[in-house]
């Protein structure tokens, strides 16, 4: 999933400055790299994406996060938006939708 997303973002003119394999690493990388935008999966080992969003937003209320979800995770998407995510994209990723969501979140 990360490779596909990285490919879409890179081809869309964005620079990917870091990746994380779980929610705990995502928080650490966010604090170290301070990216303009984070794409965060809902389902991850160590710490779920929604909990990681809450922690990142607690440390940086201006953080811009777009959630990645699978079909059937609508309730979790609502929780992610309530936790502070700006938008969500659904797997399998459609490049145009990903880039629109990123543009919206950065705008």
N, C-alpha and C. Protein backbone atom coordinates (compact mmCIF):
# COMPACT_ATOMS: atom_id res chain seq x y z
N UNK A 1 0.81 -1.19 0.00
CA UNK A 1 0.00 0.00 0.00
C UNK A 1 0.86 1.26 0.00
N UNK A 2 1.91 1.26 0.86
CA UNK A 2 2.77 2.45 0.92
C UNK A 2 3.48 2.69 -0.40
N UNK A 3 3.92 1.62 -1.06
CA UNK A 3 4.60 1.78 -2.35
C UNK A 3 3.67 2.38 -3.39
N UNK A 4 2.44 1.90 -3.45
CA UNK A 4 1.48 2.40 -4.42
C UNK A 4 1.17 3.87 -4.15
N UNK A 5 0.96 4.20 -2.91
CA UNK A 5 0.66 5.58 -2.52
C UNK A 5 1.85 6.49 -2.82
N UNK A 6 3.04 6.03 -2.49
CA UNK A 6 4.25 6.81 -2.76
C UNK A 6 4.39 7.07 -4.25
N UNK A 7 4.12 6.07 -5.07
CA UNK A 7 4.21 6.21 -6.51
C UNK A 7 3.21 7.25 -7.03
N UNK A 8 1.98 7.20 -6.54
CA UNK A 8 0.95 8.16 -6.96
C UNK A 8 1.36 9.58 -6.56
N UNK A 9 1.82 9.74 -5.32
CA UNK A 9 2.20 11.07 -4.83
C UNK A 9 3.42 11.62 -5.58
N UNK A 10 4.41 10.78 -5.80
CA UNK A 10 5.63 11.22 -6.49
C UNK A 10 5.30 11.63 -7.93
N UNK A 11 4.52 10.81 -8.62
CA UNK A 11 4.11 11.15 -9.98
C UNK A 11 3.26 12.40 -10.03
N UNK A 12 2.58 12.70 -8.92
CA UNK A 12 1.75 13.90 -8.83
C UNK A 12 2.53 15.14 -8.43
N UNK A 13 3.86 15.01 -8.30
CA UNK A 13 4.70 16.15 -8.00
C UNK A 13 4.98 16.39 -6.53
N UNK A 14 4.63 15.44 -5.68
CA UNK A 14 4.86 15.57 -4.25
C UNK A 14 6.11 14.80 -3.84
N UNK A 15 6.77 15.28 -2.80
CA UNK A 15 7.95 14.59 -2.26
C UNK A 15 7.55 13.81 -1.02
N UNK A 16 7.88 12.55 -0.99
CA UNK A 16 7.61 11.71 0.19
C UNK A 16 8.86 11.75 1.06
N UNK A 17 8.75 12.33 2.25
CA UNK A 17 9.93 12.53 3.10
C UNK A 17 10.12 11.43 4.13
N UNK A 18 9.10 10.59 4.33
CA UNK A 18 9.24 9.52 5.31
C UNK A 18 8.10 8.53 5.19
N UNK A 19 8.35 7.35 5.75
CA UNK A 19 7.34 6.29 5.79
C UNK A 19 7.40 5.65 7.17
N UNK A 20 6.27 5.07 7.57
CA UNK A 20 6.21 4.40 8.87
C UNK A 20 5.43 3.11 8.72
N UNK A 21 5.92 2.07 9.38
CA UNK A 21 5.27 0.77 9.29
C UNK A 21 4.20 0.55 10.35
N UNK A 22 4.12 1.46 11.33
CA UNK A 22 3.06 1.35 12.34
C UNK A 22 2.79 2.73 12.96
N UNK A 23 1.76 2.80 13.78
CA UNK A 23 1.34 4.08 14.36
C UNK A 23 2.37 4.72 15.27
N UNK A 24 3.09 3.92 16.04
CA UNK A 24 4.11 4.48 16.93
C UNK A 24 5.24 5.13 16.14
N UNK A 25 5.67 4.45 15.08
CA UNK A 25 6.73 5.00 14.22
C UNK A 25 6.21 6.25 13.50
N UNK A 26 4.94 6.23 13.11
CA UNK A 26 4.35 7.39 12.44
C UNK A 26 4.44 8.65 13.31
N UNK A 27 4.14 8.52 14.58
CA UNK A 27 4.22 9.66 15.50
C UNK A 27 5.65 10.15 15.60
N UNK A 28 6.58 9.22 15.77
CA UNK A 28 8.01 9.57 15.87
C UNK A 28 8.49 10.27 14.60
N UNK A 29 8.13 9.72 13.44
CA UNK A 29 8.56 10.32 12.17
C UNK A 29 7.94 11.70 11.99
N UNK A 30 6.67 11.84 12.37
CA UNK A 30 6.02 13.14 12.25
C UNK A 30 6.77 14.18 13.08
N UNK A 31 7.08 13.83 14.32
CA UNK A 31 7.77 14.76 15.21
C UNK A 31 9.15 15.13 14.70
N UNK A 32 9.83 14.19 14.05
CA UNK A 32 11.17 14.46 13.53
C UNK A 32 11.16 15.18 12.19
N UNK A 33 10.23 14.83 11.32
CA UNK A 33 10.23 15.34 9.95
C UNK A 33 9.31 16.54 9.72
N UNK A 34 8.27 16.68 10.53
CA UNK A 34 7.28 17.75 10.39
C UNK A 34 6.83 17.92 8.94
N UNK A 35 6.26 16.87 8.34
CA UNK A 35 5.83 16.97 6.94
C UNK A 35 4.63 17.89 6.77
N UNK A 36 4.42 18.34 5.54
CA UNK A 36 3.26 19.19 5.23
C UNK A 36 1.96 18.40 5.34
N UNK A 37 2.06 17.08 5.08
CA UNK A 37 0.88 16.24 5.05
C UNK A 37 1.25 14.81 5.43
N UNK A 38 0.34 14.12 6.10
CA UNK A 38 0.52 12.71 6.45
C UNK A 38 -0.61 11.92 5.82
N UNK A 39 -0.28 10.78 5.21
CA UNK A 39 -1.31 9.81 4.85
C UNK A 39 -1.18 8.69 5.87
N UNK A 40 -2.30 8.32 6.47
CA UNK A 40 -2.27 7.36 7.58
C UNK A 40 -3.29 6.26 7.35
N UNK A 41 -2.83 5.02 7.44
CA UNK A 41 -3.75 3.90 7.33
C UNK A 41 -4.51 3.75 8.65
N UNK A 42 -5.74 3.30 8.57
CA UNK A 42 -6.52 3.08 9.79
C UNK A 42 -6.00 1.87 10.54
N UNK A 43 -5.77 0.77 9.81
CA UNK A 43 -5.38 -0.49 10.43
C UNK A 43 -3.87 -0.67 10.36
N UNK A 44 -3.22 -0.65 11.52
CA UNK A 44 -1.76 -0.81 11.58
C UNK A 44 -1.39 -1.57 12.86
N UNK A 45 -0.23 -2.21 12.85
CA UNK A 45 0.24 -2.86 14.08
C UNK A 45 0.75 -1.84 15.10
N UNK A 46 0.98 -2.29 16.30
CA UNK A 46 1.53 -1.48 17.40
C UNK A 46 0.54 -0.42 17.90
N UNK A 47 0.07 0.45 17.01
CA UNK A 47 -0.91 1.47 17.36
C UNK A 47 -1.76 1.75 16.13
N UNK A 48 -3.07 1.71 16.30
CA UNK A 48 -3.98 1.97 15.18
C UNK A 48 -3.83 3.40 14.68
N UNK A 49 -4.20 3.61 13.43
CA UNK A 49 -4.07 4.91 12.80
C UNK A 49 -4.84 6.02 13.49
N UNK A 50 -6.04 5.71 13.96
CA UNK A 50 -6.86 6.74 14.62
C UNK A 50 -6.18 7.22 15.90
N UNK A 51 -5.60 6.30 16.66
CA UNK A 51 -4.88 6.69 17.87
C UNK A 51 -3.65 7.52 17.52
N UNK A 52 -2.97 7.15 16.44
CA UNK A 52 -1.80 7.91 16.01
C UNK A 52 -2.20 9.32 15.57
N UNK A 53 -3.35 9.45 14.90
CA UNK A 53 -3.86 10.77 14.51
C UNK A 53 -4.09 11.62 15.75
N UNK A 54 -4.72 11.03 16.75
CA UNK A 54 -4.99 11.78 17.99
C UNK A 54 -3.68 12.28 18.62
N UNK A 55 -2.67 11.42 18.66
CA UNK A 55 -1.39 11.80 19.27
C UNK A 55 -0.69 12.89 18.46
N UNK A 56 -0.71 12.77 17.14
CA UNK A 56 -0.08 13.79 16.29
C UNK A 56 -0.81 15.12 16.44
N UNK A 57 -2.14 15.09 16.43
CA UNK A 57 -2.92 16.32 16.54
C UNK A 57 -2.76 16.95 17.93
N UNK A 58 -2.56 16.12 18.94
CA UNK A 58 -2.33 16.65 20.29
C UNK A 58 -1.01 17.43 20.32
N UNK A 59 0.01 16.88 19.68
CA UNK A 59 1.33 17.52 19.64
C UNK A 59 1.36 18.71 18.68
N UNK A 60 0.59 18.60 17.58
CA UNK A 60 0.58 19.65 16.56
C UNK A 60 -0.84 19.79 16.00
N UNK A 61 -1.63 20.68 16.60
CA UNK A 61 -3.02 20.84 16.16
C UNK A 61 -3.16 21.23 14.68
N UNK A 62 -2.12 21.77 14.07
CA UNK A 62 -2.20 22.16 12.67
C UNK A 62 -1.80 21.04 11.70
N UNK A 63 -1.50 19.87 12.22
CA UNK A 63 -1.11 18.74 11.36
C UNK A 63 -2.22 18.42 10.37
N UNK A 64 -1.81 18.14 9.13
CA UNK A 64 -2.77 17.78 8.07
C UNK A 64 -2.61 16.29 7.78
N UNK A 65 -3.70 15.55 8.00
CA UNK A 65 -3.66 14.10 7.87
C UNK A 65 -4.81 13.63 7.00
N UNK A 66 -4.49 12.75 6.06
CA UNK A 66 -5.50 12.10 5.22
C UNK A 66 -5.47 10.62 5.56
N UNK A 67 -6.62 10.07 5.89
CA UNK A 67 -6.71 8.66 6.27
C UNK A 67 -6.89 7.78 5.05
N UNK A 68 -6.32 6.59 5.11
CA UNK A 68 -6.49 5.57 4.08
C UNK A 68 -7.33 4.46 4.70
N UNK A 69 -8.41 4.09 4.01
CA UNK A 69 -9.27 3.06 4.57
C UNK A 69 -9.65 2.05 3.50
N UNK A 70 -10.06 0.90 3.95
CA UNK A 70 -10.60 -0.13 3.06
C UNK A 70 -12.12 0.02 3.02
N UNK A 71 -12.73 -0.54 2.02
CA UNK A 71 -14.20 -0.53 1.97
C UNK A 71 -14.72 -1.18 3.25
N UNK A 72 -15.83 -0.66 3.75
CA UNK A 72 -16.42 -1.25 4.94
C UNK A 72 -15.89 -0.68 6.24
N UNK A 73 -15.02 0.32 6.18
CA UNK A 73 -14.49 0.93 7.40
C UNK A 73 -15.10 2.31 7.65
N UNK A 74 -16.34 2.50 7.18
CA UNK A 74 -16.95 3.83 7.28
C UNK A 74 -17.02 4.36 8.70
N UNK A 75 -17.34 3.51 9.67
CA UNK A 75 -17.43 3.96 11.05
C UNK A 75 -16.06 4.44 11.54
N UNK A 76 -15.01 3.73 11.15
CA UNK A 76 -13.67 4.14 11.55
C UNK A 76 -13.26 5.44 10.85
N UNK A 77 -13.73 5.64 9.64
CA UNK A 77 -13.44 6.90 8.93
C UNK A 77 -14.05 8.07 9.68
N UNK A 78 -15.28 7.90 10.16
CA UNK A 78 -15.94 8.94 10.96
C UNK A 78 -15.11 9.24 12.20
N UNK A 79 -14.63 8.19 12.87
CA UNK A 79 -13.79 8.39 14.06
C UNK A 79 -12.49 9.12 13.69
N UNK A 80 -11.94 8.80 12.55
CA UNK A 80 -10.69 9.45 12.11
C UNK A 80 -10.92 10.94 11.86
N UNK A 81 -12.03 11.28 11.22
CA UNK A 81 -12.34 12.70 10.97
C UNK A 81 -12.56 13.41 12.30
N UNK A 82 -13.25 12.76 13.22
CA UNK A 82 -13.46 13.36 14.55
C UNK A 82 -12.14 13.54 15.29
N UNK A 83 -11.17 12.65 15.03
CA UNK A 83 -9.86 12.73 15.67
C UNK A 83 -9.00 13.83 15.05
N UNK A 84 -9.42 14.34 13.89
CA UNK A 84 -8.68 15.45 13.29
C UNK A 84 -8.21 15.24 11.88
N UNK A 85 -8.50 14.10 11.27
CA UNK A 85 -8.10 13.89 9.88
C UNK A 85 -8.87 14.85 8.97
N UNK A 86 -8.22 15.32 7.91
CA UNK A 86 -8.84 16.27 6.99
C UNK A 86 -9.74 15.58 5.97
N UNK A 87 -9.36 14.37 5.57
CA UNK A 87 -10.08 13.68 4.51
C UNK A 87 -9.71 12.20 4.57
N UNK A 88 -10.29 11.42 3.68
CA UNK A 88 -9.93 10.01 3.61
C UNK A 88 -9.94 9.55 2.17
N UNK A 89 -9.13 8.55 1.89
CA UNK A 89 -9.10 7.91 0.58
C UNK A 89 -9.31 6.43 0.79
N UNK A 90 -9.98 5.80 -0.15
CA UNK A 90 -10.36 4.40 -0.01
C UNK A 90 -9.50 3.52 -0.92
N UNK A 91 -9.06 2.40 -0.34
CA UNK A 91 -8.31 1.40 -1.11
C UNK A 91 -9.29 0.55 -1.90
N UNK A 92 -8.98 0.10 -3.08
CA UNK A 92 -7.75 0.37 -3.83
C UNK A 92 -7.72 1.83 -4.29
N UNK A 93 -6.54 2.42 -4.25
CA UNK A 93 -6.38 3.83 -4.53
C UNK A 93 -6.61 4.18 -5.99
N UNK A 94 -7.36 5.26 -6.19
CA UNK A 94 -7.54 5.85 -7.52
C UNK A 94 -6.65 7.09 -7.54
N UNK A 95 -5.64 7.13 -8.43
CA UNK A 95 -4.69 8.25 -8.42
C UNK A 95 -5.34 9.64 -8.39
N UNK A 96 -6.36 9.86 -9.19
CA UNK A 96 -6.99 11.19 -9.21
C UNK A 96 -7.61 11.53 -7.86
N UNK A 97 -8.23 10.56 -7.23
CA UNK A 97 -8.86 10.80 -5.92
C UNK A 97 -7.80 11.08 -4.86
N UNK A 98 -6.69 10.35 -4.90
CA UNK A 98 -5.60 10.58 -3.95
C UNK A 98 -5.07 12.00 -4.10
N UNK A 99 -4.78 12.40 -5.31
CA UNK A 99 -4.20 13.73 -5.55
C UNK A 99 -5.20 14.85 -5.22
N UNK A 100 -6.49 14.62 -5.49
CA UNK A 100 -7.50 15.61 -5.11
C UNK A 100 -7.58 15.77 -3.59
N UNK A 101 -7.51 14.65 -2.88
CA UNK A 101 -7.58 14.68 -1.43
C UNK A 101 -6.37 15.40 -0.84
N UNK A 102 -5.20 15.13 -1.39
CA UNK A 102 -3.97 15.79 -0.93
C UNK A 102 -4.07 17.30 -1.18
N UNK A 103 -4.53 17.67 -2.37
CA UNK A 103 -4.65 19.09 -2.71
C UNK A 103 -5.63 19.77 -1.74
N UNK A 104 -6.75 19.12 -1.48
CA UNK A 104 -7.76 19.65 -0.55
C UNK A 104 -7.17 19.83 0.85
N UNK A 105 -6.44 18.83 1.32
CA UNK A 105 -5.86 18.86 2.68
C UNK A 105 -4.78 19.94 2.80
N UNK A 106 -4.02 20.15 1.73
CA UNK A 106 -2.95 21.15 1.77
C UNK A 106 -3.48 22.57 1.54
N UNK A 107 -4.65 22.66 0.92
CA UNK A 107 -5.22 23.96 0.57
C UNK A 107 -5.76 24.66 1.74
